[in-house]
Amino acid sequence: MTLDELRESLPEYAKDLKLNLSTVLRQPELSAPQTWGTALACAAACHNDELLDVIARESEPYLDETARNAALGAAAVMAMNNIYYRFLHLASNKKYSTMRAGLRMNIIRTHGGDPADFELWCLAVSAINGCGSCVDSHEQVVRQKGITEDQVLAAIRIAAVLHEAARVLETEAVLAG
């Protein structure tokens, strides 16, 4: 299935989503690798096989193997970190925040891709996963690395639209029985 076919398969109640899906992957604020790395990381974070398959195939012309692995690595490490740091934020016992995390996060230093793009992908995945601590941390890092506020919002729009596309696809699968 192509992205256009996936978009057209969305039901009428998701018309706004269809419209947004046709525009968020063509935002001028982001380079092609930033756009498609964000989309791939977000699709992996959304846990929908159909969406991930389409985005992975559509992203191939825009991402080399290093960028592809970095985007998928961002989704993987943030899935773990978002749960851990969200717990620290939500727990009333603040002693946990002073304790060693004890989690390996080597990909953050060893992904081999563009450092600003990797952080942007981590930010977008953190937005999907709802970790305020990670959103704040990665937003600060991307801004320090030269990513503009317009670029940040462009990536977050991709995250928002792909997340809801995954939910609608799941809803339709359940309703179809």
Protein backbone atom coordinates (compact mmCIF):
# COMPACT_ATOMS: atom_id res chain seq x y z
CA MET A 1 0.00 0.00 0.00
CA THR A 2 1.22 3.51 -0.79
CA LEU A 3 0.79 6.57 1.40
CA ASP A 4 -1.85 7.91 -1.00
CA GLU A 5 -3.76 4.62 -0.80
CA LEU A 6 -3.52 4.62 2.98
CA ARG A 7 -4.78 8.20 3.12
CA GLU A 8 -7.70 7.40 0.81
CA SER A 9 -8.59 4.35 2.90
CA LEU A 10 -9.34 6.56 5.90
CA PRO A 11 -13.06 6.93 6.61
CA GLU A 12 -15.13 10.06 6.07
CA TYR A 13 -15.16 10.91 9.78
CA ALA A 14 -11.38 11.33 9.49
CA LYS A 15 -11.55 13.81 6.59
CA ASP A 16 -9.43 16.38 8.46
CA LEU A 17 -6.85 13.68 9.09
CA LYS A 18 -6.80 12.86 5.37
CA LEU A 19 -6.19 16.52 4.54
CA ASN A 20 -3.47 16.86 7.17
CA LEU A 21 -1.80 13.63 6.11
CA SER A 22 -1.44 15.03 2.61
CA THR A 23 0.32 18.18 3.86
CA VAL A 24 2.42 17.38 6.95
CA LEU A 25 4.93 15.32 5.00
CA ARG A 26 5.56 18.25 2.66
CA GLN A 27 6.22 21.06 5.14
CA PRO A 28 8.88 23.50 3.88
CA GLU A 29 10.31 23.98 7.38
CA LEU A 30 11.89 20.52 7.36
CA SER A 31 14.43 18.93 5.05
CA ALA A 32 13.46 15.63 3.44
CA PRO A 33 15.58 13.61 5.90
CA GLN A 34 14.11 15.53 8.85
CA THR A 35 10.58 14.94 7.55
CA TRP A 36 10.95 11.27 6.78
CA GLY A 37 13.09 10.49 9.83
CA THR A 38 10.42 12.11 11.99
CA ALA A 39 7.72 10.15 10.18
CA LEU A 40 9.57 6.86 10.54
CA ALA A 41 10.32 7.37 14.24
CA CYS A 42 6.73 8.42 14.89
CA ALA A 43 5.25 5.54 12.88
CA ALA A 44 7.36 3.11 14.93
CA ALA A 45 6.14 4.80 18.13
CA CYS A 46 2.49 4.50 17.03
CA HIS A 47 2.49 0.68 17.06
CA ASN A 48 0.46 0.23 13.90
CA ASP A 49 1.94 -2.29 11.46
CA GLU A 50 0.12 -0.92 8.42
CA LEU A 51 1.22 2.67 9.04
CA LEU A 52 4.80 1.65 9.84
CA ASP A 53 5.03 -0.47 6.69
CA VAL A 54 3.80 2.40 4.48
CA ILE A 55 6.02 5.03 6.10
CA ALA A 56 9.07 2.75 6.04
CA ARG A 57 8.67 2.15 2.31
CA GLU A 58 7.87 5.79 1.51
CA SER A 59 10.89 7.00 3.49
CA GLU A 60 13.44 4.82 1.66
CA PRO A 61 14.40 7.43 -0.98
CA TYR A 62 15.04 10.06 1.69
CA LEU A 63 16.92 8.17 4.42
CA ASP A 64 20.19 6.32 4.11
CA GLU A 65 20.72 3.27 6.32
CA THR A 66 22.37 5.33 9.07
CA ALA A 67 19.49 7.83 9.24
CA ARG A 68 16.92 5.04 9.07
CA ASN A 69 18.54 3.21 11.97
CA ALA A 70 18.88 6.46 13.92
CA ALA A 71 15.17 7.23 13.47
CA LEU A 72 14.19 3.73 14.59
CA GLY A 73 16.72 3.96 17.41
CA ALA A 74 15.15 7.23 18.54
CA ALA A 75 11.76 5.52 18.71
CA ALA A 76 13.18 2.58 20.65
CA VAL A 77 15.20 4.50 23.21
CA MET A 78 12.45 7.05 23.78
CA ALA A 79 9.85 4.32 24.33
CA MET A 80 11.98 3.19 27.25
CA ASN A 81 13.04 6.64 28.47
CA ASN A 82 9.57 8.17 28.22
CA ILE A 83 8.16 5.58 30.61
CA TYR A 84 11.06 5.93 33.02
CA TYR A 85 11.15 9.74 33.09
CA ARG A 86 7.37 10.06 33.09
CA PHE A 87 7.37 7.89 36.21
CA LEU A 88 9.96 10.14 37.86
CA HIS A 89 7.83 13.17 37.05
CA LEU A 90 4.59 11.61 38.29
CA ALA A 91 5.86 9.93 41.44
CA SER A 92 5.36 11.96 44.58
CA ASN A 93 8.52 10.39 46.08
CA LYS A 94 11.17 12.72 44.63
CA LYS A 95 14.00 10.50 45.88
CA TYR A 96 13.61 8.47 42.67
CA SER A 97 14.81 11.50 40.70
CA THR A 98 18.10 11.50 42.61
CA MET A 99 18.80 7.84 41.93
CA ARG A 100 20.81 6.40 39.06
CA ALA A 101 18.62 5.44 36.07
CA GLY A 102 20.55 2.24 35.38
CA LEU A 103 19.33 2.11 31.77
CA ARG A 104 21.56 1.85 28.71
CA MET A 105 21.02 4.74 26.30
CA ASN A 106 24.10 4.42 24.09
CA ILE A 107 22.18 5.10 20.87
CA ILE A 108 21.85 8.74 21.93
CA ARG A 109 25.62 9.12 21.44
CA THR A 110 26.32 6.43 18.84
CA HIS A 111 23.50 6.68 16.27
CA GLY A 112 25.88 8.07 13.63
CA GLY A 113 23.27 10.35 12.07
CA ASP A 114 22.79 14.08 12.21
CA PRO A 115 22.70 15.02 15.92
CA ALA A 116 20.05 17.73 15.51
CA ASP A 117 17.81 15.45 13.45
CA PHE A 118 18.15 12.62 16.00
CA GLU A 119 17.12 14.95 18.82
CA LEU A 120 14.18 16.19 16.72
CA TRP A 121 13.03 12.59 16.25
CA CYS A 122 13.39 11.96 19.99
CA LEU A 123 11.30 15.07 20.66
CA ALA A 124 8.52 13.98 18.31
CA VAL A 125 8.39 10.48 19.81
CA SER A 126 8.35 11.95 23.31
CA ALA A 127 5.35 14.07 22.33
CA ILE A 128 3.53 10.93 21.17
CA ASN A 129 4.42 9.12 24.38
CA GLY A 130 3.36 12.06 26.55
CA CYS A 131 6.56 12.54 28.55
CA GLY A 132 6.76 16.19 29.54
CA SER A 133 10.25 15.85 30.99
CA CYS A 134 11.62 14.38 27.77
CA VAL A 135 9.72 16.86 25.59
CA ASP A 136 11.20 19.74 27.56
CA SER A 137 14.71 18.28 27.56
CA HIS A 138 14.81 17.44 23.84
CA GLU A 139 13.17 20.73 22.85
CA GLN A 140 15.97 22.59 24.62
CA VAL A 141 18.62 20.45 22.92
CA VAL A 142 17.19 20.88 19.41
CA ARG A 143 16.98 24.65 19.91
CA GLN A 144 20.64 24.66 21.04
CA LYS A 145 21.52 22.68 17.92
CA GLY A 146 19.91 25.30 15.66
CA ILE A 147 16.47 23.79 15.03
CA THR A 148 13.92 26.60 14.87
CA GLU A 149 10.59 26.74 16.65
CA ASP A 150 8.88 26.44 13.25
CA GLN A 151 10.80 23.22 12.60
CA VAL A 152 9.87 21.88 16.03
CA LEU A 153 6.18 22.49 15.38
CA ALA A 154 6.46 20.94 11.91
CA ALA A 155 7.84 17.75 13.48
CA ILE A 156 5.14 17.78 16.16
CA ARG A 157 2.47 18.14 13.47
CA ILE A 158 3.85 14.98 11.85
CA ALA A 159 3.71 13.20 15.21
CA ALA A 160 0.13 14.33 15.85
CA VAL A 161 -1.18 13.33 12.44
CA LEU A 162 0.58 9.95 12.30
CA HIS A 163 -0.51 9.13 15.83
CA GLU A 164 -4.14 9.77 14.96
CA ALA A 165 -3.82 7.94 11.63
CA ALA A 166 -2.65 4.89 13.58
CA ARG A 167 -5.62 5.20 15.96
CA VAL A 168 -8.14 5.51 13.12
CA LEU A 169 -6.63 2.50 11.34
CA GLU A 170 -6.94 0.50 14.58
CA THR A 171 -10.52 1.71 15.11
CA GLU A 172 -11.46 0.67 11.60
CA ALA A 173 -9.82 -2.73 12.03
CA VAL A 174 -11.84 -3.35 15.21
CA LEU A 175 -15.10 -2.17 13.61
CA ALA A 176 -14.48 -4.39 10.57
CA GLY A 177 -14.32 -7.31 12.98
